[in-house]
N, C-alpha and C. Protein backbone atom coordinates (compact mmCIF):
# COMPACT_ATOMS: atom_id res chain seq x y z
N MET A 1 9.67 36.64 -7.99
CA MET A 1 8.77 37.15 -6.96
C MET A 1 9.63 37.80 -5.87
N PRO A 2 9.42 39.09 -5.59
CA PRO A 2 10.27 39.79 -4.63
C PRO A 2 10.23 39.21 -3.23
N HIS A 3 9.06 38.71 -2.80
CA HIS A 3 8.98 38.17 -1.44
C HIS A 3 9.86 36.94 -1.27
N GLN A 4 9.90 36.08 -2.30
CA GLN A 4 10.74 34.90 -2.18
C GLN A 4 12.20 35.29 -2.12
N ARG A 5 12.62 36.31 -2.86
CA ARG A 5 14.00 36.75 -2.78
C ARG A 5 14.31 37.26 -1.38
N ARG A 6 13.34 37.92 -0.77
CA ARG A 6 13.55 38.44 0.58
C ARG A 6 13.69 37.31 1.59
N LEU A 7 13.00 36.19 1.36
CA LEU A 7 13.06 35.07 2.28
C LEU A 7 14.20 34.10 1.96
N LEU A 8 14.69 34.13 0.74
CA LEU A 8 15.64 33.14 0.27
C LEU A 8 16.82 32.98 1.21
N SER A 9 16.96 31.77 1.74
CA SER A 9 18.09 31.38 2.58
C SER A 9 18.26 32.23 3.83
N LYS A 10 17.19 32.79 4.31
CA LYS A 10 17.24 33.60 5.53
C LYS A 10 16.15 33.11 6.46
N TRP A 11 16.51 32.80 7.68
CA TRP A 11 15.56 32.31 8.65
C TRP A 11 14.78 33.49 9.22
N ASN A 12 13.46 33.33 9.31
CA ASN A 12 12.57 34.37 9.81
C ASN A 12 11.66 33.79 10.89
N ARG A 13 11.45 34.55 11.94
CA ARG A 13 10.55 34.09 13.00
C ARG A 13 9.15 33.90 12.44
N VAL A 14 8.50 32.83 12.85
CA VAL A 14 7.14 32.54 12.39
C VAL A 14 6.21 33.68 12.78
N ASP A 15 6.39 34.24 13.95
CA ASP A 15 5.49 35.30 14.41
C ASP A 15 5.84 36.69 13.87
N SER A 16 6.80 36.77 12.94
CA SER A 16 7.18 38.06 12.39
C SER A 16 6.28 38.52 11.25
N GLY A 17 5.34 37.66 10.84
CA GLY A 17 4.46 38.01 9.72
C GLY A 17 4.97 37.46 8.40
N GLU A 18 6.15 36.87 8.38
CA GLU A 18 6.72 36.34 7.15
C GLU A 18 6.03 35.05 6.70
N LEU A 19 5.31 34.40 7.60
CA LEU A 19 4.65 33.14 7.26
C LEU A 19 3.72 33.30 6.06
N HIS A 20 3.07 34.45 5.94
CA HIS A 20 2.12 34.63 4.83
C HIS A 20 2.83 34.64 3.47
N LEU A 21 4.15 34.75 3.45
CA LEU A 21 4.88 34.70 2.18
C LEU A 21 5.04 33.27 1.66
N ALA A 22 4.87 32.30 2.54
CA ALA A 22 4.92 30.90 2.12
C ALA A 22 3.62 30.56 1.40
N PRO A 23 3.67 29.62 0.45
CA PRO A 23 2.42 29.19 -0.19
C PRO A 23 1.44 28.71 0.87
N ARG A 24 0.18 28.98 0.67
CA ARG A 24 -0.85 28.65 1.66
C ARG A 24 -0.81 27.18 2.05
N ARG A 25 -0.54 26.29 1.09
CA ARG A 25 -0.54 24.85 1.37
C ARG A 25 0.56 24.44 2.35
N TRP A 26 1.61 25.27 2.49
CA TRP A 26 2.69 24.97 3.43
C TRP A 26 2.53 25.69 4.77
N GLN A 27 1.71 26.70 4.85
CA GLN A 27 1.64 27.53 6.05
C GLN A 27 1.27 26.75 7.31
N ARG A 28 0.31 25.86 7.22
CA ARG A 28 -0.09 25.13 8.44
C ARG A 28 1.00 24.17 8.89
N TRP A 29 1.78 23.63 7.95
CA TRP A 29 2.90 22.75 8.32
C TRP A 29 4.01 23.56 8.98
N LEU A 30 4.27 24.74 8.47
CA LEU A 30 5.36 25.57 9.00
C LEU A 30 5.04 26.15 10.36
N SER A 31 3.78 26.42 10.63
CA SER A 31 3.41 27.12 11.86
C SER A 31 2.87 26.23 12.96
N ASP A 32 2.59 24.98 12.68
CA ASP A 32 2.00 24.09 13.67
C ASP A 32 2.91 23.97 14.90
N THR A 33 2.32 23.98 16.08
CA THR A 33 3.11 23.93 17.32
C THR A 33 3.11 22.57 17.99
N GLY A 34 2.37 21.62 17.45
CA GLY A 34 2.33 20.29 18.04
C GLY A 34 3.42 19.38 17.48
N SER A 35 3.26 18.11 17.73
CA SER A 35 4.21 17.10 17.25
C SER A 35 4.06 16.93 15.74
N LEU A 36 5.15 17.17 15.00
CA LEU A 36 5.11 16.99 13.55
C LEU A 36 4.87 15.53 13.21
N THR A 37 5.48 14.63 13.96
CA THR A 37 5.28 13.20 13.73
C THR A 37 3.80 12.84 13.81
N GLN A 38 3.16 13.30 14.88
CA GLN A 38 1.74 13.00 15.06
C GLN A 38 0.90 13.63 13.95
N LYS A 39 1.21 14.85 13.57
CA LYS A 39 0.46 15.54 12.52
C LYS A 39 0.59 14.80 11.18
N ILE A 40 1.80 14.36 10.86
CA ILE A 40 1.99 13.63 9.61
C ILE A 40 1.27 12.29 9.66
N GLU A 41 1.38 11.59 10.78
CA GLU A 41 0.71 10.28 10.88
C GLU A 41 -0.80 10.42 10.74
N GLU A 42 -1.37 11.48 11.27
CA GLU A 42 -2.80 11.72 11.08
C GLU A 42 -3.09 12.02 9.62
N HIS A 43 -2.21 12.77 8.97
CA HIS A 43 -2.38 13.16 7.57
C HIS A 43 -2.31 11.95 6.63
N ILE A 44 -1.38 11.03 6.89
CA ILE A 44 -1.19 9.88 6.00
C ILE A 44 -1.91 8.62 6.49
N ALA A 45 -2.52 8.71 7.67
CA ALA A 45 -3.29 7.60 8.26
C ALA A 45 -2.46 6.33 8.43
N GLN A 46 -1.24 6.49 8.82
CA GLN A 46 -0.38 5.34 9.16
C GLN A 46 0.84 5.83 9.92
N LYS A 47 1.58 4.89 10.50
CA LYS A 47 2.80 5.23 11.24
C LYS A 47 3.91 5.63 10.28
N LEU A 48 4.70 6.61 10.70
CA LEU A 48 5.87 7.01 9.93
C LEU A 48 7.02 6.04 10.16
N GLU A 49 7.83 5.88 9.15
CA GLU A 49 9.11 5.19 9.30
C GLU A 49 10.18 6.24 9.49
N VAL A 50 11.09 5.99 10.42
CA VAL A 50 12.21 6.90 10.64
C VAL A 50 13.47 6.21 10.13
N ARG A 51 14.11 6.83 9.15
CA ARG A 51 15.37 6.29 8.61
C ARG A 51 16.50 7.21 9.05
N VAL A 52 17.38 6.67 9.85
CA VAL A 52 18.51 7.47 10.35
C VAL A 52 19.56 7.58 9.25
N LEU A 53 19.86 8.83 8.88
CA LEU A 53 20.89 9.09 7.88
C LEU A 53 22.26 9.24 8.53
N ARG A 54 22.26 9.92 9.68
CA ARG A 54 23.50 10.16 10.41
C ARG A 54 23.15 10.46 11.86
N ASP A 55 23.96 9.94 12.77
CA ASP A 55 23.78 10.19 14.19
C ASP A 55 25.16 10.15 14.82
N SER A 56 25.74 11.32 15.03
CA SER A 56 27.12 11.37 15.52
C SER A 56 27.42 12.73 16.14
N ARG A 57 28.56 12.79 16.82
CA ARG A 57 29.03 14.07 17.35
C ARG A 57 29.64 14.86 16.20
N GLN A 58 29.26 16.12 16.11
CA GLN A 58 29.73 16.97 15.01
C GLN A 58 29.96 18.38 15.53
N ALA A 59 30.78 19.10 14.80
CA ALA A 59 30.94 20.53 15.07
C ALA A 59 29.73 21.25 14.49
N LEU A 60 29.30 22.30 15.15
CA LEU A 60 28.15 23.07 14.67
C LEU A 60 28.62 24.17 13.74
N ASN A 61 27.75 24.55 12.82
CA ASN A 61 28.05 25.75 12.04
C ASN A 61 27.67 26.96 12.89
N SER A 62 28.15 28.12 12.52
CA SER A 62 27.93 29.32 13.36
C SER A 62 26.45 29.68 13.45
N ASP A 63 25.69 29.39 12.40
CA ASP A 63 24.26 29.69 12.41
C ASP A 63 23.55 28.88 13.49
N GLU A 64 23.89 27.61 13.63
CA GLU A 64 23.28 26.78 14.66
C GLU A 64 23.82 27.11 16.05
N SER A 65 25.10 27.37 16.14
CA SER A 65 25.69 27.58 17.47
C SER A 65 25.17 28.84 18.14
N ARG A 66 24.64 29.77 17.38
CA ARG A 66 24.09 30.99 18.01
C ARG A 66 22.89 30.68 18.90
N TYR A 67 22.20 29.58 18.61
CA TYR A 67 21.06 29.18 19.44
C TYR A 67 21.51 28.74 20.83
N PHE A 68 22.76 28.36 20.93
CA PHE A 68 23.31 27.90 22.20
C PHE A 68 24.32 28.91 22.74
N HIS A 69 24.21 30.14 22.27
CA HIS A 69 25.08 31.24 22.70
C HIS A 69 26.55 30.91 22.46
N PHE A 70 26.82 30.20 21.36
CA PHE A 70 28.17 29.84 20.93
C PHE A 70 28.94 29.04 21.96
N GLN A 71 28.24 28.42 22.92
CA GLN A 71 28.90 27.64 23.97
C GLN A 71 29.42 26.28 23.47
N PRO A 72 28.55 25.36 23.07
CA PRO A 72 29.08 24.04 22.70
C PRO A 72 29.76 24.10 21.33
N GLN A 73 30.90 23.48 21.23
CA GLN A 73 31.57 23.43 19.93
C GLN A 73 31.19 22.16 19.18
N ARG A 74 30.91 21.10 19.94
CA ARG A 74 30.48 19.84 19.32
C ARG A 74 29.19 19.39 20.01
N CYS A 75 28.30 18.85 19.19
CA CYS A 75 27.02 18.37 19.70
C CYS A 75 26.70 17.05 19.02
N ARG A 76 25.75 16.36 19.60
CA ARG A 76 25.22 15.19 18.91
C ARG A 76 24.26 15.73 17.85
N VAL A 77 24.46 15.30 16.61
CA VAL A 77 23.60 15.71 15.51
C VAL A 77 22.99 14.45 14.92
N ARG A 78 21.66 14.46 14.87
CA ARG A 78 20.92 13.32 14.35
C ARG A 78 20.12 13.79 13.15
N GLU A 79 20.35 13.16 12.01
CA GLU A 79 19.65 13.52 10.78
C GLU A 79 18.88 12.30 10.30
N VAL A 80 17.59 12.50 10.04
CA VAL A 80 16.71 11.40 9.67
C VAL A 80 15.79 11.79 8.53
N LEU A 81 15.25 10.77 7.87
CA LEU A 81 14.15 10.94 6.93
C LEU A 81 12.90 10.41 7.62
N LEU A 82 11.83 11.16 7.54
CA LEU A 82 10.52 10.68 7.98
C LEU A 82 9.80 10.23 6.72
N CYS A 83 9.44 8.96 6.67
CA CYS A 83 8.93 8.37 5.42
C CYS A 83 7.58 7.71 5.59
N LYS A 84 6.85 7.72 4.50
CA LYS A 84 5.64 6.88 4.35
C LYS A 84 6.06 5.75 3.43
N GLY A 85 6.30 4.57 4.01
CA GLY A 85 6.84 3.47 3.22
C GLY A 85 8.21 3.84 2.69
N ASN A 86 8.36 3.83 1.37
CA ASN A 86 9.64 4.19 0.75
C ASN A 86 9.70 5.66 0.33
N THR A 87 8.68 6.43 0.66
CA THR A 87 8.61 7.82 0.22
C THR A 87 9.00 8.78 1.33
N PRO A 88 10.13 9.47 1.20
CA PRO A 88 10.51 10.48 2.20
C PRO A 88 9.57 11.68 2.15
N LEU A 89 9.13 12.13 3.32
CA LEU A 89 8.23 13.28 3.43
C LEU A 89 8.92 14.48 4.07
N VAL A 90 9.85 14.22 4.98
CA VAL A 90 10.53 15.28 5.73
C VAL A 90 11.97 14.83 6.00
N ILE A 91 12.90 15.77 5.91
CA ILE A 91 14.26 15.54 6.39
C ILE A 91 14.36 16.33 7.69
N ALA A 92 14.82 15.71 8.75
CA ALA A 92 14.93 16.40 10.03
C ALA A 92 16.37 16.34 10.54
N ARG A 93 16.79 17.43 11.16
CA ARG A 93 18.13 17.53 11.75
C ARG A 93 17.95 18.02 13.17
N SER A 94 18.41 17.22 14.13
CA SER A 94 18.31 17.58 15.54
C SER A 94 19.71 17.82 16.08
N VAL A 95 19.90 18.95 16.76
CA VAL A 95 21.18 19.31 17.36
C VAL A 95 20.99 19.26 18.87
N ILE A 96 21.74 18.35 19.49
CA ILE A 96 21.57 18.10 20.93
C ILE A 96 22.90 18.31 21.63
N PRO A 97 23.07 19.43 22.35
CA PRO A 97 24.31 19.63 23.09
C PRO A 97 24.51 18.54 24.13
N ALA A 98 25.76 18.23 24.44
CA ALA A 98 26.07 17.19 25.43
C ALA A 98 25.37 17.47 26.76
N SER A 99 25.28 18.73 27.15
CA SER A 99 24.65 19.07 28.42
C SER A 99 23.15 18.77 28.41
N SER A 100 22.54 18.68 27.24
CA SER A 100 21.11 18.38 27.14
C SER A 100 20.80 16.90 27.27
N ILE A 101 21.84 16.06 27.25
CA ILE A 101 21.65 14.62 27.33
C ILE A 101 21.83 14.12 28.76
N LEU A 102 22.28 15.00 29.64
CA LEU A 102 22.53 14.60 31.03
C LEU A 102 21.22 14.37 31.79
N GLY A 103 21.30 13.64 32.88
CA GLY A 103 20.16 13.44 33.78
C GLY A 103 19.03 12.69 33.12
N GLY A 104 17.82 13.22 33.25
CA GLY A 104 16.61 12.56 32.77
C GLY A 104 16.46 12.54 31.27
N ASN A 105 17.36 13.18 30.54
CA ASN A 105 17.26 13.21 29.08
C ASN A 105 18.14 12.16 28.40
N GLN A 106 18.67 11.21 29.15
CA GLN A 106 19.58 10.23 28.56
C GLN A 106 18.90 9.33 27.54
N GLY A 107 17.59 9.27 27.55
CA GLY A 107 16.86 8.50 26.54
C GLY A 107 17.11 9.00 25.13
N LEU A 108 17.57 10.25 25.02
CA LEU A 108 17.88 10.80 23.70
C LEU A 108 19.03 10.04 23.03
N LEU A 109 19.84 9.35 23.83
CA LEU A 109 20.95 8.58 23.27
C LEU A 109 20.49 7.26 22.66
N ARG A 110 19.28 6.85 22.99
CA ARG A 110 18.79 5.53 22.55
C ARG A 110 17.55 5.66 21.66
N LEU A 111 17.48 6.66 20.84
CA LEU A 111 16.31 6.85 20.00
C LEU A 111 16.21 5.79 18.90
N GLY A 112 17.33 5.41 18.31
CA GLY A 112 17.29 4.45 17.20
C GLY A 112 16.37 4.96 16.10
N ASN A 113 15.40 4.14 15.70
CA ASN A 113 14.44 4.53 14.66
C ASN A 113 13.16 5.14 15.23
N LYS A 114 13.23 5.57 16.47
CA LYS A 114 12.08 6.22 17.11
C LYS A 114 12.16 7.72 16.81
N PRO A 115 11.04 8.35 16.50
CA PRO A 115 11.08 9.79 16.23
C PRO A 115 11.36 10.60 17.51
N LEU A 116 12.13 11.66 17.37
CA LEU A 116 12.45 12.54 18.50
C LEU A 116 11.16 13.13 19.09
N GLY A 117 10.17 13.37 18.25
CA GLY A 117 8.89 13.90 18.73
C GLY A 117 8.24 13.05 19.79
N ALA A 118 8.51 11.74 19.76
CA ALA A 118 7.95 10.85 20.78
C ALA A 118 8.49 11.20 22.16
N VAL A 119 9.70 11.71 22.22
CA VAL A 119 10.29 12.13 23.49
C VAL A 119 9.89 13.56 23.81
N LEU A 120 9.97 14.44 22.83
CA LEU A 120 9.66 15.85 23.08
C LEU A 120 8.20 16.08 23.48
N PHE A 121 7.31 15.26 22.93
CA PHE A 121 5.89 15.46 23.20
C PHE A 121 5.29 14.37 24.07
N ALA A 122 6.14 13.63 24.78
CA ALA A 122 5.65 12.59 25.69
C ALA A 122 4.83 13.24 26.80
N LYS A 123 3.77 12.60 27.18
CA LYS A 123 2.90 13.14 28.23
C LYS A 123 3.34 12.60 29.58
N LYS A 124 4.42 13.17 30.10
CA LYS A 124 4.94 12.78 31.41
C LYS A 124 4.88 14.00 32.31
N PRO A 125 4.57 13.82 33.59
CA PRO A 125 4.40 14.96 34.47
C PRO A 125 5.64 15.84 34.62
N ASN A 126 6.84 15.27 34.54
CA ASN A 126 8.05 16.07 34.75
C ASN A 126 8.76 16.45 33.46
N SER A 127 8.15 16.22 32.32
CA SER A 127 8.84 16.53 31.06
C SER A 127 8.43 17.92 30.58
N SER A 128 9.10 18.92 31.11
CA SER A 128 8.78 20.28 30.71
C SER A 128 9.32 20.52 29.31
N LYS A 129 8.46 20.91 28.42
CA LYS A 129 8.88 21.26 27.07
C LYS A 129 8.23 22.59 26.73
N ARG A 130 9.01 23.44 26.16
CA ARG A 130 8.51 24.77 25.88
C ARG A 130 9.17 25.24 24.60
N LYS A 131 8.38 25.71 23.67
CA LYS A 131 8.95 26.24 22.44
C LYS A 131 9.42 27.66 22.73
N VAL A 132 10.68 27.88 22.49
CA VAL A 132 11.24 29.20 22.73
C VAL A 132 11.24 30.01 21.45
N LEU A 133 11.55 29.36 20.36
CA LEU A 133 11.71 30.07 19.10
C LEU A 133 11.40 29.15 17.94
N ARG A 134 10.64 29.63 16.97
CA ARG A 134 10.38 28.89 15.73
C ARG A 134 10.65 29.84 14.58
N GLU A 135 11.41 29.35 13.62
CA GLU A 135 11.72 30.14 12.43
C GLU A 135 11.41 29.32 11.19
N ILE A 136 11.19 30.03 10.08
CA ILE A 136 10.96 29.37 8.80
C ILE A 136 11.97 29.90 7.79
N CYS A 137 12.16 29.11 6.72
CA CYS A 137 13.13 29.48 5.71
C CYS A 137 12.71 28.88 4.37
N TYR A 138 13.01 29.60 3.32
CA TYR A 138 12.83 29.10 1.96
C TYR A 138 14.23 28.74 1.47
N LEU A 139 14.49 27.45 1.28
CA LEU A 139 15.81 26.98 0.89
C LEU A 139 15.90 26.77 -0.61
N SER A 140 17.05 27.12 -1.19
CA SER A 140 17.31 26.83 -2.60
C SER A 140 18.72 26.26 -2.72
N LYS A 141 19.09 25.90 -3.91
CA LYS A 141 20.40 25.27 -4.17
C LYS A 141 21.57 26.13 -3.70
N ARG A 142 21.40 27.42 -3.62
CA ARG A 142 22.50 28.32 -3.22
C ARG A 142 22.75 28.29 -1.72
N ASP A 143 21.82 27.77 -0.98
CA ASP A 143 21.92 27.77 0.47
C ASP A 143 22.82 26.64 0.96
N PRO A 144 23.79 26.91 1.84
CA PRO A 144 24.66 25.85 2.36
C PRO A 144 23.88 24.75 3.09
N PHE A 145 22.78 25.12 3.71
CA PHE A 145 21.95 24.14 4.40
C PHE A 145 21.33 23.17 3.39
N TRP A 146 20.82 23.72 2.28
CA TRP A 146 20.27 22.87 1.21
C TRP A 146 21.37 21.95 0.70
N GLN A 147 22.56 22.48 0.46
CA GLN A 147 23.67 21.70 -0.08
C GLN A 147 24.05 20.56 0.88
N HIS A 148 24.01 20.83 2.17
CA HIS A 148 24.30 19.79 3.16
C HIS A 148 23.28 18.66 3.05
N PHE A 149 22.00 19.00 3.01
CA PHE A 149 20.96 17.98 2.93
C PHE A 149 21.00 17.23 1.60
N GLN A 150 21.39 17.90 0.55
CA GLN A 150 21.47 17.25 -0.75
C GLN A 150 22.54 16.16 -0.76
N LYS A 151 23.58 16.32 0.02
CA LYS A 151 24.61 15.28 0.13
C LYS A 151 24.04 14.04 0.82
N LEU A 152 23.14 14.26 1.78
CA LEU A 152 22.52 13.14 2.50
C LEU A 152 21.39 12.50 1.70
N TYR A 153 20.70 13.32 0.92
CA TYR A 153 19.54 12.87 0.16
C TYR A 153 19.63 13.47 -1.25
N PRO A 154 20.32 12.77 -2.17
CA PRO A 154 20.60 13.32 -3.50
C PRO A 154 19.38 13.72 -4.32
N SER A 155 18.19 13.16 -4.07
CA SER A 155 17.00 13.52 -4.85
C SER A 155 16.31 14.77 -4.32
N LEU A 156 16.99 15.56 -3.55
CA LEU A 156 16.40 16.76 -2.94
C LEU A 156 15.92 17.74 -4.02
N PRO A 157 14.66 18.17 -3.96
CA PRO A 157 14.17 19.19 -4.89
C PRO A 157 14.95 20.49 -4.72
N SER A 158 14.95 21.32 -5.75
CA SER A 158 15.79 22.52 -5.74
C SER A 158 15.28 23.64 -4.83
N LYS A 159 14.01 23.63 -4.48
CA LYS A 159 13.46 24.67 -3.60
C LYS A 159 12.55 24.02 -2.56
N LEU A 160 12.76 24.39 -1.31
CA LEU A 160 12.03 23.75 -0.22
C LEU A 160 11.72 24.74 0.89
N TRP A 161 10.69 24.43 1.65
CA TRP A 161 10.37 25.18 2.86
C TRP A 161 10.85 24.39 4.06
N ALA A 162 11.33 25.09 5.05
CA ALA A 162 11.84 24.44 6.26
C ALA A 162 11.43 25.26 7.47
N ARG A 163 11.46 24.61 8.60
CA ARG A 163 11.25 25.30 9.87
C ARG A 163 12.25 24.76 10.87
N ARG A 164 12.58 25.56 11.85
CA ARG A 164 13.40 25.06 12.95
C ARG A 164 12.89 25.65 14.24
N THR A 165 13.00 24.82 15.26
CA THR A 165 12.44 25.17 16.56
C THR A 165 13.46 24.85 17.63
N LEU A 166 13.61 25.76 18.56
CA LEU A 166 14.45 25.52 19.73
C LEU A 166 13.53 25.06 20.84
N TYR A 167 13.62 23.78 21.20
CA TYR A 167 12.81 23.21 22.26
C TYR A 167 13.61 23.22 23.56
N GLN A 168 12.90 23.14 24.65
CA GLN A 168 13.50 22.93 25.97
C GLN A 168 12.92 21.63 26.50
N LEU A 169 13.77 20.66 26.77
CA LEU A 169 13.34 19.39 27.34
C LEU A 169 13.97 19.29 28.72
N LYS A 170 13.12 19.36 29.74
CA LYS A 170 13.59 19.40 31.13
C LYS A 170 14.61 20.51 31.33
N GLY A 171 14.33 21.65 30.72
CA GLY A 171 15.18 22.82 30.87
C GLY A 171 16.44 22.82 30.02
N LYS A 172 16.60 21.85 29.13
CA LYS A 172 17.80 21.75 28.29
C LYS A 172 17.42 21.96 26.83
N PRO A 173 18.25 22.72 26.08
CA PRO A 173 17.90 23.07 24.69
C PRO A 173 18.18 21.95 23.69
N ILE A 174 17.28 21.86 22.70
CA ILE A 174 17.43 20.95 21.56
C ILE A 174 16.92 21.71 20.34
N LEU A 175 17.75 21.83 19.33
CA LEU A 175 17.37 22.54 18.11
C LEU A 175 16.95 21.51 17.06
N VAL A 176 15.75 21.66 16.52
CA VAL A 176 15.23 20.73 15.52
C VAL A 176 14.88 21.49 14.25
N CYS A 177 15.45 21.04 13.14
CA CYS A 177 15.13 21.62 11.83
C CYS A 177 14.41 20.56 11.02
N GLU A 178 13.31 20.96 10.38
CA GLU A 178 12.52 20.05 9.55
C GLU A 178 12.36 20.66 8.17
N VAL A 179 12.79 19.91 7.16
CA VAL A 179 12.70 20.34 5.77
C VAL A 179 11.58 19.54 5.12
N PHE A 180 10.60 20.25 4.59
CA PHE A 180 9.40 19.61 4.05
C PHE A 180 9.60 19.26 2.58
N LEU A 181 9.39 18.00 2.25
CA LEU A 181 9.53 17.53 0.88
C LEU A 181 8.17 17.55 0.18
N PRO A 182 8.13 17.79 -1.13
CA PRO A 182 6.85 17.89 -1.85
C PRO A 182 5.96 16.67 -1.69
N ALA A 183 6.51 15.49 -1.50
CA ALA A 183 5.70 14.28 -1.35
C ALA A 183 4.74 14.36 -0.18
N LEU A 184 5.04 15.22 0.80
CA LEU A 184 4.15 15.36 1.96
C LEU A 184 2.78 15.85 1.52
N LEU A 185 2.75 16.79 0.58
CA LEU A 185 1.47 17.32 0.11
C LEU A 185 0.78 16.37 -0.86
N ALA A 186 1.54 15.49 -1.47
CA ALA A 186 0.97 14.55 -2.46
C ALA A 186 0.27 13.38 -1.78
N THR A 187 0.50 13.20 -0.46
CA THR A 187 -0.11 12.06 0.24
C THR A 187 -1.53 12.35 0.63
């Protein structure tokens, strides 16, 4: 399919019209602007489990660092599985520059098994959050991003849809990538 080749391993803005190239069953998940955690919990009618795969300071790849204007060389990177019981539904990767953890955002250091969405979408008067950019991608085995996630989660299907969003929390950037696993639609 020519459209999939055009999207393969290339991030595209959701508002660029590329969303219609995704299968219809994935479009609402890729384009939704609310809390993914809340949306999934409504979909599965239960609380999600958050399994932390990795949470450490890491160097960014050049693709991610462009979101931060190539400023931070190392950031806190948190990678988790969002699960229904023992079934993973989403793999998420959050990139949090050190400057984004200062001040009122220090709670990001103590997330543990709490979803990041609980902080990003908290209803507090001073928690300004604004979506600056949302992109989607069709990942396959050839993509370095897919290969990275496959090391963390060996049962990764060979083709997946993903989205990433640059959030602002109290004026500080946080990049969140969410890779949708087929089990999400099976629930």
